[in-house]
Each structure stands twice: as C-alpha cells, then as structure tokens.
C-alpha cells in the first residue's frame, strides 16, 4: 500500500468511495462487501461517520487518514509512507502518527520517509539515513538516532532535534 505526501484523494468521490475504489475497480470485489470494509477502515482510522464527506470537507489530517484507509483496503503486506505528515499543521500530525503507531503496534510492516525523528525513534526497528540519494548510515533506530556514527547524520540530528 502507498500513502502519498499530498493525499491524492479523488476530489469528486466521498471518503467511502475513495476507500472502496481499489477493491471495486482493481480487484473487482463485491461493492456491498467493499462498502462494509470501507466503513470499518474509516472507523479504524478515527473517521467513523465521515464516509459521506468529500475531501474538500475534511481537514488535512482527515484526508491523510482516508488515504491510509484507502491503502489498507487493498490488504497490503507492507505500507509505504512518503512524508505523510509534511503537508499537515502540527495538530493534524499527531492524528496521522497515532494511526501509524496503531498500525505498527498491530504488526504492519512499514517503510516510512519522514523528518519526524521522535516518531521514528519510537516505532522504527531500523533507520536508514540518506543524504542526496546516498545511504549514509543504517542500523537500529535507537542507536542511529541516539548515537549516530557518521558526521553527516550527527549534523542533521543536531539541527532537527
């Protein structure tokens, strides 16, 4: 499953329809079963009762949670997140991170591109620090973020922490 930085929801479709789109259109699943699954997933990401709303009627955090539910509807074994909180105000960041924390706690494998170092330290098993498309440092999240070996990693963390 893939969750993009800019949500990429279909603006002419409700939250429920956005979540149903992959299973119905790509996997050719039953529409009624897909609607039920969409409602369950929206509730899982804290949006119970919001299925009738269009993206323009939702906050950025809500839109990103719809995008997470849409990705989960395809029943992926791994989730890819590309800066899922960068387009959000600080209050909404917490909403999205709470959903991702829950996914991690339930065993979902996630590959996450982020600048949220506290969150990475909390939920990541492994961190890969990249600079200019080059892998600079890789290892246990607590070790890399708490005691980085490479000067470039150290400089970055000094500036963001």
Protein backbone atom coordinates (compact mmCIF):
# COMPACT_ATOMS: atom_id res chain seq x y z
CA UNK A 1 0.00 0.00 0.00
CA UNK A 2 1.19 3.52 -0.69
CA UNK A 3 0.32 6.73 1.18
CA UNK A 4 1.49 9.88 -0.54
CA UNK A 5 2.64 13.20 0.86
CA UNK A 6 -0.22 15.10 -0.82
CA UNK A 7 -3.11 12.67 -0.05
CA UNK A 8 -4.05 12.15 -3.75
CA UNK A 9 -7.72 11.54 -2.97
CA UNK A 10 -10.23 11.70 -5.79
CA UNK A 11 -11.95 15.07 -5.13
CA UNK A 12 -15.22 14.03 -6.82
CA UNK A 13 -15.63 10.95 -4.61
CA UNK A 14 -16.68 10.68 -0.97
CA UNK A 15 -14.28 9.32 1.64
CA UNK A 16 -16.09 5.99 1.49
CA UNK A 17 -15.90 5.86 -2.32
CA UNK A 18 -12.19 6.74 -2.21
CA UNK A 19 -11.57 3.79 0.13
CA UNK A 20 -13.74 1.45 -1.98
CA UNK A 21 -12.17 2.42 -5.31
CA UNK A 22 -9.24 -0.02 -5.30
CA UNK A 23 -11.11 -3.13 -4.17
CA UNK A 24 -14.05 -2.48 -6.55
CA UNK A 25 -12.24 -1.15 -9.62
CA UNK A 26 -8.94 -3.03 -9.45
CA UNK A 27 -9.66 -6.20 -7.51
CA UNK A 28 -13.24 -6.50 -8.83
CA UNK A 29 -14.59 -7.15 -5.33
CA UNK A 30 -18.26 -7.01 -4.45
CA UNK A 31 -19.48 -3.43 -3.98
CA UNK A 32 -21.51 -4.17 -0.81
CA UNK A 33 -18.63 -6.02 0.85
CA UNK A 34 -16.25 -3.23 -0.17
CA UNK A 35 -18.58 -0.61 1.32
CA UNK A 36 -18.68 -2.52 4.60
CA UNK A 37 -14.87 -2.83 4.58
CA UNK A 38 -14.54 0.91 3.83
CA UNK A 39 -16.75 1.79 6.79
CA UNK A 40 -14.67 -0.49 9.05
CA UNK A 41 -11.40 1.02 7.83
CA UNK A 42 -12.66 4.59 8.21
CA UNK A 43 -13.64 3.74 11.80
CA UNK A 44 -10.20 2.18 12.34
CA UNK A 45 -8.50 5.46 11.37
CA UNK A 46 -10.87 7.52 13.55
CA UNK A 47 -13.28 8.67 10.85
CA UNK A 48 -16.43 6.76 11.70
CA UNK A 49 -19.43 8.60 10.27
CA UNK A 50 -17.34 10.62 7.80
CA UNK A 51 -17.75 8.32 4.81
CA UNK A 52 -20.27 10.64 3.13
CA UNK A 53 -17.90 13.63 3.16
CA UNK A 54 -15.87 14.77 0.18
CA UNK A 55 -12.15 15.54 0.55
CA UNK A 56 -12.79 19.31 0.46
CA UNK A 57 -15.00 18.90 3.55
CA UNK A 58 -12.20 17.23 5.54
CA UNK A 59 -9.13 18.64 7.28
CA UNK A 60 -5.69 17.70 6.01
CA UNK A 61 -5.26 15.16 8.80
CA UNK A 62 -8.63 13.60 7.99
CA UNK A 63 -7.76 13.45 4.30
CA UNK A 64 -4.48 11.71 5.09
CA UNK A 65 -6.31 9.19 7.28
CA UNK A 66 -8.73 8.50 4.38
CA UNK A 67 -5.63 7.91 2.21
CA UNK A 68 -4.33 5.43 4.81
CA UNK A 69 -7.70 3.64 4.89
CA UNK A 70 -7.70 3.53 1.07
CA UNK A 71 -4.27 1.90 1.05
CA UNK A 72 -5.32 -0.59 3.74
CA UNK A 73 -8.40 -1.55 1.71
CA UNK A 74 -6.09 -3.33 -0.73
CA UNK A 75 -4.93 -5.55 2.17
CA UNK A 76 -1.21 -4.93 1.65
CA UNK A 77 1.53 -6.83 3.43
CA UNK A 78 3.68 -3.69 3.55
CA UNK A 79 2.81 0.02 3.66
CA UNK A 80 4.93 2.72 2.06
CA UNK A 81 4.58 6.23 3.50
CA UNK A 82 6.15 9.18 1.68
CA UNK A 83 6.35 12.08 4.15
CA UNK A 84 2.75 11.50 5.28
CA UNK A 85 2.80 14.40 7.75
CA UNK A 86 4.71 17.07 5.84
CA UNK A 87 1.61 18.78 4.41
CA UNK A 88 -0.12 18.94 7.80
CA UNK A 89 -0.28 21.51 10.57
CA UNK A 90 1.17 20.36 13.93
CA UNK A 91 -2.22 19.40 15.41
CA UNK A 92 -3.03 17.14 12.47
CA UNK A 93 0.41 15.49 12.53
CA UNK A 94 -0.50 13.81 15.81
CA UNK A 95 -3.71 12.36 14.34
CA UNK A 96 -1.86 10.70 11.48
CA UNK A 97 1.02 9.49 13.65
CA UNK A 98 -1.49 7.90 16.05
CA UNK A 99 -2.93 5.83 13.19
CA UNK A 100 0.54 4.81 12.04
CA UNK A 101 1.56 3.96 15.63
CA UNK A 102 -1.51 1.70 15.84
CA UNK A 103 -0.57 0.00 12.55
CA UNK A 104 2.97 -0.59 13.80
CA UNK A 105 1.62 -1.95 17.08
CA UNK A 106 -0.53 -4.41 15.15
CA UNK A 107 2.47 -5.72 13.23
CA UNK A 108 2.13 -3.84 9.92
CA UNK A 109 5.45 -3.64 8.10
CA UNK A 110 6.01 -0.02 7.10
CA UNK A 111 8.62 1.78 5.04
CA UNK A 112 8.48 5.43 6.04
CA UNK A 113 10.18 8.51 4.64
CA UNK A 114 9.97 11.14 7.39
CA UNK A 115 11.55 14.03 9.19
CA UNK A 116 9.63 13.11 12.38
CA UNK A 117 12.65 11.81 14.30
CA UNK A 118 10.83 11.29 17.60
CA UNK A 119 8.25 9.13 15.87
CA UNK A 120 10.97 7.20 14.01
CA UNK A 121 12.79 6.55 17.28
CA UNK A 122 9.55 5.36 18.89
CA UNK A 123 8.22 2.95 16.25
CA UNK A 124 11.08 2.05 13.90
CA UNK A 125 13.10 -1.09 14.22
CA UNK A 126 15.68 0.10 11.72
CA UNK A 127 16.62 3.50 10.30
CA UNK A 128 18.36 4.34 7.05
CA UNK A 129 19.63 7.93 6.96
CA UNK A 130 20.01 9.23 3.41
CA UNK A 131 21.58 12.39 2.06
CA UNK A 132 21.46 13.34 -1.60
CA UNK A 133 20.22 9.89 -2.59
CA UNK A 134 23.11 8.15 -0.84
CA UNK A 135 22.72 5.85 2.17
CA UNK A 136 24.86 7.45 4.88
CA UNK A 137 24.03 5.34 7.92
CA UNK A 138 21.86 2.33 8.68
CA UNK A 139 21.09 0.44 11.85
CA UNK A 140 18.93 0.05 14.92
CA UNK A 141 16.66 3.10 15.21
CA UNK A 142 17.59 3.91 18.80
CA UNK A 143 21.30 3.55 18.05
CA UNK A 144 21.34 5.61 14.84
CA UNK A 145 19.11 8.34 16.26
CA UNK A 146 20.62 8.31 19.75
CA UNK A 147 24.29 7.75 18.97
CA UNK A 148 24.98 8.23 15.25
CA UNK A 149 28.42 7.19 13.97
CA UNK A 150 28.54 9.29 10.80
CA UNK A 151 29.28 13.03 10.91
CA UNK A 152 26.53 13.81 8.37
CA UNK A 153 23.92 12.00 10.49
CA UNK A 154 25.20 13.78 13.60
CA UNK A 155 24.96 17.19 11.89
CA UNK A 156 21.40 16.52 10.70
CA UNK A 157 20.19 15.36 14.09
CA UNK A 158 21.78 18.33 15.84
CA UNK A 159 19.78 20.65 13.59
CA UNK A 160 16.41 18.89 13.86
CA UNK A 161 16.39 17.70 17.47
